[in-house]
Amino acid sequence: MATEPAAPDAAMMAGPKALARFLETADTSMLEGVFSAGDVVILENFPPHVFTGQAGLAHWRELMTHHVGAIGDLRHTFGPPQDFGRTGDTVYFSLPTRWTGVRDGKPFDEDGGWSFTQVLEDGAWRIRTYGWSVTRFVQ
């Protein structure tokens, strides 16, 4: 009998890694194939806070590209994934993340975490939902 993994595998981490690289570079090509073709939901810490569906994803991409374009030297570090669970073609996990960068000429250091739900579509894991939460911000 096969046992379920205790953490996301490399294929499941590909989406979060590409998302983080997009945020570091503002290169929207990093997002190709990352999000589900279905009903995407994104929860962010900036208005309008909730982005739903493919139109919401497009709006989020536009706002986020502008937002990260104003940040210099943005870099992330992932902590170990938490709360991993898989049910069929759906996985969930949270991912502690640290961000450092420079905004308005001031360095910052931010801790937070993403929670991800991903679905298996066309043989690849795609982000269906994610939420971001900040737990510490120092500037």
N, C-alpha and C. Protein backbone atom coordinates (compact mmCIF):
# COMPACT_ATOMS: atom_id res chain seq x y z
N MET A 1 0.84 -1.18 0.00
CA MET A 1 0.00 0.00 0.00
C MET A 1 0.88 1.24 0.00
N ALA A 2 0.62 2.17 -0.93
CA ALA A 2 1.41 3.40 -1.02
C ALA A 2 1.01 4.36 0.09
N THR A 3 1.99 5.04 0.63
CA THR A 3 1.71 6.03 1.66
C THR A 3 1.73 7.42 1.03
N GLU A 4 0.92 8.28 1.59
CA GLU A 4 0.86 9.66 1.13
C GLU A 4 2.14 10.40 1.57
N PRO A 5 2.67 11.28 0.72
CA PRO A 5 3.84 12.07 1.13
C PRO A 5 3.47 13.02 2.27
N ALA A 6 4.45 13.38 3.06
CA ALA A 6 4.23 14.28 4.19
C ALA A 6 4.44 15.74 3.82
N ALA A 7 4.88 15.98 2.59
CA ALA A 7 5.15 17.34 2.14
C ALA A 7 4.96 17.40 0.63
N PRO A 8 4.78 18.61 0.09
CA PRO A 8 4.66 18.71 -1.36
C PRO A 8 5.93 18.26 -2.06
N ASP A 9 5.76 17.59 -3.20
CA ASP A 9 6.93 17.18 -3.98
C ASP A 9 7.36 18.33 -4.90
N ALA A 10 8.40 18.09 -5.69
CA ALA A 10 8.96 19.14 -6.55
C ALA A 10 7.92 19.67 -7.54
N ALA A 11 7.09 18.78 -8.08
CA ALA A 11 6.06 19.23 -9.03
C ALA A 11 5.04 20.15 -8.36
N MET A 12 4.71 19.87 -7.09
CA MET A 12 3.76 20.71 -6.35
C MET A 12 4.38 22.04 -5.96
N MET A 13 5.70 22.08 -5.78
CA MET A 13 6.40 23.31 -5.41
C MET A 13 6.71 24.19 -6.62
N ALA A 14 6.56 23.65 -7.84
CA ALA A 14 6.90 24.43 -9.03
C ALA A 14 6.08 25.72 -9.13
N GLY A 15 4.78 25.65 -8.85
CA GLY A 15 3.92 26.83 -8.91
C GLY A 15 4.32 27.90 -7.91
N PRO A 16 4.44 27.56 -6.63
CA PRO A 16 4.87 28.56 -5.66
C PRO A 16 6.25 29.16 -5.99
N LYS A 17 7.16 28.33 -6.49
CA LYS A 17 8.49 28.85 -6.85
C LYS A 17 8.39 29.83 -8.02
N ALA A 18 7.59 29.50 -9.01
CA ALA A 18 7.41 30.40 -10.16
C ALA A 18 6.72 31.69 -9.72
N LEU A 19 5.73 31.58 -8.84
CA LEU A 19 5.04 32.76 -8.31
C LEU A 19 6.03 33.67 -7.60
N ALA A 20 6.88 33.10 -6.76
CA ALA A 20 7.88 33.90 -6.05
C ALA A 20 8.87 34.56 -7.02
N ARG A 21 9.28 33.83 -8.05
CA ARG A 21 10.20 34.41 -9.05
C ARG A 21 9.52 35.54 -9.82
N PHE A 22 8.22 35.41 -10.11
CA PHE A 22 7.49 36.51 -10.73
C PHE A 22 7.54 37.74 -9.84
N LEU A 23 7.30 37.54 -8.55
CA LEU A 23 7.31 38.68 -7.63
C LEU A 23 8.69 39.33 -7.56
N GLU A 24 9.73 38.54 -7.63
CA GLU A 24 11.09 39.09 -7.59
C GLU A 24 11.47 39.83 -8.87
N THR A 25 10.91 39.42 -9.99
CA THR A 25 11.35 39.95 -11.28
C THR A 25 10.32 40.79 -12.03
N ALA A 26 9.03 40.66 -11.67
CA ALA A 26 7.91 41.28 -12.39
C ALA A 26 7.82 40.74 -13.82
N ASP A 27 8.41 39.59 -14.07
CA ASP A 27 8.38 38.95 -15.39
C ASP A 27 7.13 38.08 -15.46
N THR A 28 6.10 38.56 -16.14
CA THR A 28 4.83 37.84 -16.18
C THR A 28 4.94 36.50 -16.89
N SER A 29 5.98 36.28 -17.68
CA SER A 29 6.12 34.96 -18.33
C SER A 29 6.35 33.85 -17.30
N MET A 30 6.81 34.23 -16.11
CA MET A 30 7.00 33.24 -15.04
C MET A 30 5.68 32.61 -14.62
N LEU A 31 4.56 33.27 -14.92
CA LEU A 31 3.25 32.80 -14.48
C LEU A 31 2.57 31.87 -15.48
N GLU A 32 3.20 31.64 -16.64
CA GLU A 32 2.59 30.77 -17.65
C GLU A 32 2.42 29.36 -17.10
N GLY A 33 1.18 28.89 -17.12
CA GLY A 33 0.88 27.54 -16.66
C GLY A 33 0.89 27.35 -15.16
N VAL A 34 0.98 28.43 -14.39
CA VAL A 34 1.06 28.34 -12.93
C VAL A 34 -0.33 28.24 -12.29
N PHE A 35 -1.28 29.00 -12.82
CA PHE A 35 -2.61 29.05 -12.23
C PHE A 35 -3.59 28.14 -12.96
N SER A 36 -4.58 27.69 -12.23
CA SER A 36 -5.63 26.84 -12.77
C SER A 36 -6.39 27.58 -13.88
N ALA A 37 -6.90 26.82 -14.82
CA ALA A 37 -7.77 27.38 -15.86
C ALA A 37 -9.19 27.54 -15.33
N GLY A 38 -9.44 27.04 -14.11
CA GLY A 38 -10.77 27.10 -13.50
C GLY A 38 -10.97 28.35 -12.66
N ASP A 39 -11.76 28.19 -11.64
CA ASP A 39 -12.14 29.30 -10.76
C ASP A 39 -11.03 29.62 -9.76
N VAL A 40 -10.15 30.50 -10.11
CA VAL A 40 -9.04 30.91 -9.25
C VAL A 40 -9.56 31.89 -8.20
N VAL A 41 -9.02 31.78 -6.97
CA VAL A 41 -9.30 32.74 -5.91
C VAL A 41 -7.97 33.13 -5.28
N ILE A 42 -7.72 34.45 -5.23
CA ILE A 42 -6.50 34.97 -4.60
C ILE A 42 -6.91 35.93 -3.50
N LEU A 43 -6.33 35.75 -2.32
CA LEU A 43 -6.54 36.66 -1.18
C LEU A 43 -5.23 37.39 -0.94
N GLU A 44 -5.26 38.70 -1.00
CA GLU A 44 -4.05 39.51 -0.84
C GLU A 44 -4.23 40.54 0.26
N ASN A 45 -3.11 41.17 0.64
CA ASN A 45 -3.16 42.18 1.69
C ASN A 45 -3.22 43.59 1.10
N PHE A 46 -3.75 43.72 -0.12
CA PHE A 46 -3.98 45.03 -0.72
C PHE A 46 -5.34 45.00 -1.44
N PRO A 47 -5.98 46.16 -1.54
CA PRO A 47 -7.30 46.20 -2.19
C PRO A 47 -7.23 45.76 -3.64
N PRO A 48 -8.25 45.08 -4.10
CA PRO A 48 -9.52 44.78 -3.46
C PRO A 48 -9.50 43.55 -2.56
N HIS A 49 -8.35 43.00 -2.26
CA HIS A 49 -8.13 41.89 -1.34
C HIS A 49 -8.56 40.52 -1.87
N VAL A 50 -9.68 40.45 -2.57
CA VAL A 50 -10.15 39.18 -3.11
C VAL A 50 -10.23 39.29 -4.63
N PHE A 51 -9.52 38.39 -5.29
CA PHE A 51 -9.50 38.33 -6.75
C PHE A 51 -10.06 36.98 -7.15
N THR A 52 -11.14 36.97 -7.94
CA THR A 52 -11.80 35.71 -8.26
C THR A 52 -11.91 35.53 -9.77
N GLY A 53 -11.83 34.27 -10.17
CA GLY A 53 -11.99 33.90 -11.57
C GLY A 53 -10.81 34.36 -12.42
N GLN A 54 -10.93 34.12 -13.70
CA GLN A 54 -9.85 34.48 -14.62
C GLN A 54 -9.73 36.00 -14.77
N ALA A 55 -10.85 36.73 -14.69
CA ALA A 55 -10.79 38.19 -14.74
C ALA A 55 -10.09 38.73 -13.50
N GLY A 56 -10.36 38.15 -12.34
CA GLY A 56 -9.68 38.55 -11.11
C GLY A 56 -8.20 38.27 -11.18
N LEU A 57 -7.83 37.12 -11.77
CA LEU A 57 -6.43 36.78 -11.93
C LEU A 57 -5.73 37.82 -12.81
N ALA A 58 -6.36 38.21 -13.90
CA ALA A 58 -5.78 39.23 -14.79
C ALA A 58 -5.62 40.56 -14.06
N HIS A 59 -6.61 40.93 -13.26
CA HIS A 59 -6.53 42.17 -12.48
C HIS A 59 -5.40 42.08 -11.44
N TRP A 60 -5.33 40.95 -10.73
CA TRP A 60 -4.25 40.74 -9.76
C TRP A 60 -2.89 40.86 -10.44
N ARG A 61 -2.72 40.22 -11.60
CA ARG A 61 -1.45 40.24 -12.33
C ARG A 61 -1.05 41.68 -12.67
N GLU A 62 -2.01 42.47 -13.13
CA GLU A 62 -1.74 43.88 -13.46
C GLU A 62 -1.31 44.66 -12.22
N LEU A 63 -2.07 44.54 -11.14
CA LEU A 63 -1.74 45.27 -9.90
C LEU A 63 -0.41 44.80 -9.32
N MET A 64 -0.20 43.49 -9.29
CA MET A 64 1.01 42.94 -8.69
C MET A 64 2.25 43.31 -9.51
N THR A 65 2.14 43.31 -10.83
CA THR A 65 3.27 43.70 -11.67
C THR A 65 3.69 45.13 -11.36
N HIS A 66 2.73 46.02 -11.21
CA HIS A 66 3.03 47.41 -10.83
C HIS A 66 3.63 47.48 -9.43
N HIS A 67 3.04 46.76 -8.50
CA HIS A 67 3.49 46.76 -7.10
C HIS A 67 4.95 46.30 -6.99
N VAL A 68 5.27 45.16 -7.55
CA VAL A 68 6.63 44.63 -7.40
C VAL A 68 7.63 45.40 -8.25
N GLY A 69 7.15 46.08 -9.30
CA GLY A 69 8.03 46.91 -10.11
C GLY A 69 8.61 48.08 -9.33
N ALA A 70 7.94 48.46 -8.23
CA ALA A 70 8.40 49.57 -7.39
C ALA A 70 9.31 49.11 -6.25
N ILE A 71 9.61 47.81 -6.19
CA ILE A 71 10.44 47.25 -5.13
C ILE A 71 11.77 46.82 -5.72
N GLY A 72 12.86 47.21 -5.10
CA GLY A 72 14.18 46.81 -5.57
C GLY A 72 14.73 45.67 -4.74
N ASP A 73 15.57 44.87 -5.36
CA ASP A 73 16.28 43.78 -4.68
C ASP A 73 15.36 42.84 -3.91
N LEU A 74 14.16 42.61 -4.43
CA LEU A 74 13.21 41.73 -3.74
C LEU A 74 13.70 40.29 -3.83
N ARG A 75 13.78 39.65 -2.66
CA ARG A 75 14.24 38.26 -2.57
C ARG A 75 13.38 37.52 -1.56
N HIS A 76 13.17 36.22 -1.84
CA HIS A 76 12.37 35.40 -0.92
C HIS A 76 13.21 34.23 -0.40
N THR A 77 12.76 33.72 0.72
CA THR A 77 13.27 32.47 1.27
C THR A 77 12.06 31.72 1.80
N PHE A 78 11.89 30.47 1.35
CA PHE A 78 10.81 29.64 1.85
C PHE A 78 11.26 28.90 3.10
N GLY A 79 10.35 28.78 4.06
CA GLY A 79 10.53 27.87 5.18
C GLY A 79 9.97 26.52 4.77
N PRO A 80 10.03 25.54 5.67
CA PRO A 80 9.48 24.23 5.33
C PRO A 80 7.95 24.28 5.20
N PRO A 81 7.40 23.65 4.16
CA PRO A 81 5.95 23.61 4.01
C PRO A 81 5.29 22.97 5.24
N GLN A 82 4.08 23.43 5.52
CA GLN A 82 3.31 22.97 6.68
C GLN A 82 1.94 22.48 6.21
N ASP A 83 1.27 21.72 7.06
CA ASP A 83 -0.15 21.37 6.88
C ASP A 83 -0.45 20.68 5.56
N PHE A 84 0.46 19.87 5.04
CA PHE A 84 0.25 19.24 3.75
C PHE A 84 -0.85 18.19 3.81
N GLY A 85 -1.70 18.23 2.81
CA GLY A 85 -2.72 17.20 2.67
C GLY A 85 -3.11 17.05 1.22
N ARG A 86 -3.43 15.83 0.84
CA ARG A 86 -3.85 15.57 -0.53
C ARG A 86 -5.12 14.74 -0.50
N THR A 87 -6.07 15.16 -1.33
CA THR A 87 -7.29 14.41 -1.55
C THR A 87 -7.48 14.31 -3.06
N GLY A 88 -7.21 13.15 -3.60
CA GLY A 88 -7.35 12.96 -5.04
C GLY A 88 -6.42 13.89 -5.81
N ASP A 89 -7.01 14.71 -6.66
CA ASP A 89 -6.25 15.64 -7.50
C ASP A 89 -6.17 17.04 -6.92
N THR A 90 -6.30 17.13 -5.59
CA THR A 90 -6.23 18.43 -4.91
C THR A 90 -5.25 18.32 -3.76
N VAL A 91 -4.36 19.32 -3.63
CA VAL A 91 -3.45 19.38 -2.48
C VAL A 91 -3.59 20.73 -1.81
N TYR A 92 -3.27 20.71 -0.52
CA TYR A 92 -3.23 21.93 0.28
C TYR A 92 -1.94 21.94 1.07
N PHE A 93 -1.32 23.10 1.20
CA PHE A 93 -0.22 23.29 2.15
C PHE A 93 0.00 24.77 2.37
N SER A 94 0.60 25.08 3.50
CA SER A 94 0.99 26.46 3.78
C SER A 94 2.52 26.54 3.65
N LEU A 95 2.99 27.74 3.32
CA LEU A 95 4.39 27.91 3.01
C LEU A 95 4.93 29.18 3.65
N PRO A 96 5.60 29.07 4.81
CA PRO A 96 6.21 30.25 5.42
C PRO A 96 7.21 30.87 4.45
N THR A 97 7.19 32.20 4.36
CA THR A 97 8.04 32.88 3.40
C THR A 97 8.57 34.17 4.00
N ARG A 98 9.84 34.42 3.76
CA ARG A 98 10.47 35.68 4.18
C ARG A 98 10.82 36.46 2.92
N TRP A 99 10.51 37.74 2.96
CA TRP A 99 10.82 38.65 1.85
C TRP A 99 11.73 39.77 2.36
N THR A 100 12.72 40.12 1.57
CA THR A 100 13.55 41.30 1.84
C THR A 100 13.62 42.10 0.55
N GLY A 101 13.78 43.40 0.70
CA GLY A 101 13.88 44.26 -0.47
C GLY A 101 14.03 45.70 -0.06
N VAL A 102 13.88 46.58 -1.03
CA VAL A 102 13.99 48.02 -0.81
C VAL A 102 12.80 48.69 -1.47
N ARG A 103 12.06 49.46 -0.70
CA ARG A 103 10.92 50.23 -1.22
C ARG A 103 11.05 51.66 -0.76
N ASP A 104 10.89 52.58 -1.68
CA ASP A 104 11.02 54.01 -1.38
C ASP A 104 12.37 54.31 -0.73
N GLY A 105 13.40 53.62 -1.18
CA GLY A 105 14.75 53.85 -0.67
C GLY A 105 15.03 53.26 0.70
N LYS A 106 14.07 52.53 1.27
CA LYS A 106 14.22 51.96 2.60
C LYS A 106 14.20 50.44 2.53
N PRO A 107 15.19 49.77 3.14
CA PRO A 107 15.14 48.31 3.17
C PRO A 107 14.00 47.82 4.07
N PHE A 108 13.45 46.67 3.73
CA PHE A 108 12.43 46.06 4.58
C PHE A 108 12.70 44.57 4.70
N ASP A 109 12.09 44.00 5.72
CA ASP A 109 12.19 42.57 6.02
C ASP A 109 10.79 42.14 6.45
N GLU A 110 10.22 41.18 5.74
CA GLU A 110 8.83 40.78 5.97
C GLU A 110 8.75 39.27 6.09
N ASP A 111 8.08 38.81 7.12
CA ASP A 111 7.76 37.39 7.28
C ASP A 111 6.27 37.23 7.07
N GLY A 112 5.91 36.11 6.51
CA GLY A 112 4.51 35.82 6.31
C GLY A 112 4.34 34.40 5.82
N GLY A 113 3.22 34.17 5.22
CA GLY A 113 3.00 32.83 4.70
C GLY A 113 1.89 32.81 3.69
N TRP A 114 2.04 31.87 2.79
CA TRP A 114 1.03 31.59 1.79
C TRP A 114 0.31 30.32 2.20
N SER A 115 -0.96 30.25 1.88
CA SER A 115 -1.66 28.97 1.91
C SER A 115 -2.09 28.70 0.47
N PHE A 116 -1.82 27.50 0.02
CA PHE A 116 -2.09 27.12 -1.36
C PHE A 116 -3.05 25.94 -1.43
N THR A 117 -3.96 26.01 -2.38
CA THR A 117 -4.69 24.85 -2.83
C THR A 117 -4.35 24.70 -4.31
N GLN A 118 -3.90 23.51 -4.68
CA GLN A 118 -3.55 23.26 -6.07
C GLN A 118 -4.35 22.08 -6.59
N VAL A 119 -4.59 22.11 -7.89
CA VAL A 119 -5.31 21.03 -8.55
C VAL A 119 -4.46 20.48 -9.68
N LEU A 120 -4.64 19.20 -9.93
CA LEU A 120 -3.93 18.53 -11.02
C LEU A 120 -4.73 18.74 -12.30
N GLU A 121 -4.15 19.50 -13.24
CA GLU A 121 -4.80 19.78 -14.52
C GLU A 121 -3.82 19.46 -15.64
N ASP A 122 -4.25 18.69 -16.58
CA ASP A 122 -3.42 18.36 -17.75
C ASP A 122 -2.04 17.84 -17.32
N GLY A 123 -2.02 17.05 -16.25
CA GLY A 123 -0.78 16.42 -15.81
C GLY A 123 0.15 17.30 -15.00
N ALA A 124 -0.27 18.52 -14.65
CA ALA A 124 0.58 19.43 -13.87
C ALA A 124 -0.23 20.04 -12.72
N TRP A 125 0.46 20.37 -11.64
CA TRP A 125 -0.18 21.02 -10.50
C TRP A 125 -0.32 22.51 -10.79
N ARG A 126 -1.54 23.02 -10.62
CA ARG A 126 -1.85 24.43 -10.89
C ARG A 126 -2.45 25.05 -9.62
N ILE A 127 -2.10 26.28 -9.37
CA ILE A 127 -2.63 26.99 -8.20
C ILE A 127 -4.09 27.34 -8.46
N ARG A 128 -4.96 26.84 -7.60
CA ARG A 128 -6.39 27.17 -7.67
C ARG A 128 -6.69 28.33 -6.72
N THR A 129 -6.11 28.27 -5.52
CA THR A 129 -6.30 29.37 -4.56
C THR A 129 -4.99 29.62 -3.83
N TYR A 130 -4.80 30.88 -3.47
CA TYR A 130 -3.75 31.19 -2.51
C TYR A 130 -4.15 32.39 -1.70
N GLY A 131 -3.68 32.43 -0.48
CA GLY A 131 -3.87 33.57 0.39
C GLY A 131 -2.53 33.94 0.99
N TRP A 132 -2.27 35.22 1.11
CA TRP A 132 -1.02 35.73 1.69
C TRP A 132 -1.34 36.44 2.99
N SER A 133 -0.50 36.22 4.00
CA SER A 133 -0.66 36.89 5.28
C SER A 133 0.70 37.29 5.81
N VAL A 134 0.82 38.53 6.27
CA VAL A 134 2.06 39.05 6.85
C VAL A 134 2.03 38.82 8.36
N THR A 135 3.12 38.28 8.90
CA THR A 135 3.19 38.09 10.35
C THR A 135 4.19 39.04 11.01
N ARG A 136 5.09 39.62 10.19
CA ARG A 136 6.07 40.58 10.73
C ARG A 136 6.57 41.44 9.58
N PHE A 137 6.64 42.75 9.82
CA PHE A 137 7.17 43.68 8.82
C PHE A 137 8.04 44.70 9.52
N VAL A 138 9.29 44.83 9.07
CA VAL A 138 10.21 45.81 9.65
C VAL A 138 10.79 46.63 8.50
N GLN A 139 10.71 47.96 8.65
CA GLN A 139 11.31 48.84 7.64
C GLN A 139 12.15 49.88 8.32
